[in-house]
Amino acid sequence: MTFEVIVIDFSQIKKLWETRVKKHKQRCKVEKQRIEKSALQKIKQEWTFMLECKNKGIPQSVYLQNGFVDTELKILERNERKSCIDKKDLSLNGKKESDEFILQLSGEHWEHLPESLKEKTYLRELHVNNTRIQTIPEYIQFFQELKVLDLSQNKINHLPSEIGYLAKLKEFNVSFNNVKNVPAELGDCENLEKLDLSGNLQLEELPFELSNLKKVTFIDLSANKFSSIPICVLRMSMLQWLDISGNNLKDLPQDIDRLDQLETLLLHKNEITYLPLELTNISSLRLLVVSGDKLIEIPSALLENPLLKYVKILDNPIEDETHIEDVNDIEESNQEREKFEKEFMKAYIEDIAERESTPMYTTKVSLNLQL
């Protein structure tokens, strides 16, 4: 049997969590100070030191002075430094070789990708985050070894069709940008496993060609303007995680059970009034999150499923009286709010997933504070 967990007002819950974390850190600090002053801690330190010396073949005469253990001596450090010189050289060479295939670029001073990037077509991972970059150049097609393309939290408003040439691409993240359209050529990246298009606010549809992405197991379409689950998504037969929260959905398609590998379905912050019976046909479903404000019809088989964790969120946001005239400022403000709510939900869902079962009672919290 599943149970409802009702959460109202993310901001107040965030404040409650921050208070608890602060108190926990204070308790940990006091406990750490107590342990440091304890004689048991010193005894433990001496025994650990002696054991390490014994394992490394260091005689007692070196670290025992008048019957007392001198743990301040840097015997272990010298011994370890001598034996690890060759290993260190090998590891540095290996690390250097590995880092050459990963490029990370961040900072608002970046408005364009550097020209030198053209020479790094051997990259396997490209991470461009928190910049003011608006476009991705067409020469991206030459990065044939690329497996991870992370373009999250920039100002990108256009994706080139040349992305379709990235045959080895497994992860593509273009979340929290200004993307309004996704090129049909992305459907040619048939090795893609993870696709994140969340937080663009303006996306309304996906091209049918994305139906070719049969290896996708994770797709995030949250915080956009989808009025229904795209047909191409329903054709992704290996899909395990679907987040389409924060859109304009009013119902779910009758063939939702085509996603027979689905384990997590996030539907909160939509306008859904009922859940179709076909959801009960997805035997792999383990977590279902919905908004309960307008939801009036739920199949009883869902609530009675002992393997399913069902979470209902009553979203009661506090009205913001701040007037913002600039459209760009409004979009940035909306994106910041969506980022915060996404981080909260991520932590909340991870907590729910770790529990053996959801709470055996309904918790209702009513907060109507005006900040």
Foldseek 3Di string as FASTA:
>chain_A
DADAAADEAPVVVVVVVVVVVVVVVVVVVVVVVVLVPDPVNVVVLQVVQVVVCVVLVNDPVVQADPNDGDPVDCPVVVSVCVVCPVVVVVVVVVVVVVVLQEDAAEDQVDQDDDPCVLVSLCHQEYAYAHYAHAEDDLSVLSNQNHAYYHQDHYAHADYDLSCLNNQNHAYYAHEQYQHAADHLSVLSNQNHAEEEHYLNARHAAYDLSVLSNQNHQYYAHDNYAHQADYPSVLSNQNHAEYHHAHYAHQAYDPSSCSNLNYAEYEHANYNHQEYDPSVLNNPNHAEYEYEDPRHDYYPVSQNPDLRHHYYYYHYDYADDPDDDDDPVVVSVVVSVVVVVVVVVVVVVVVVCVPDPGDDPDYDDDDDHDHD
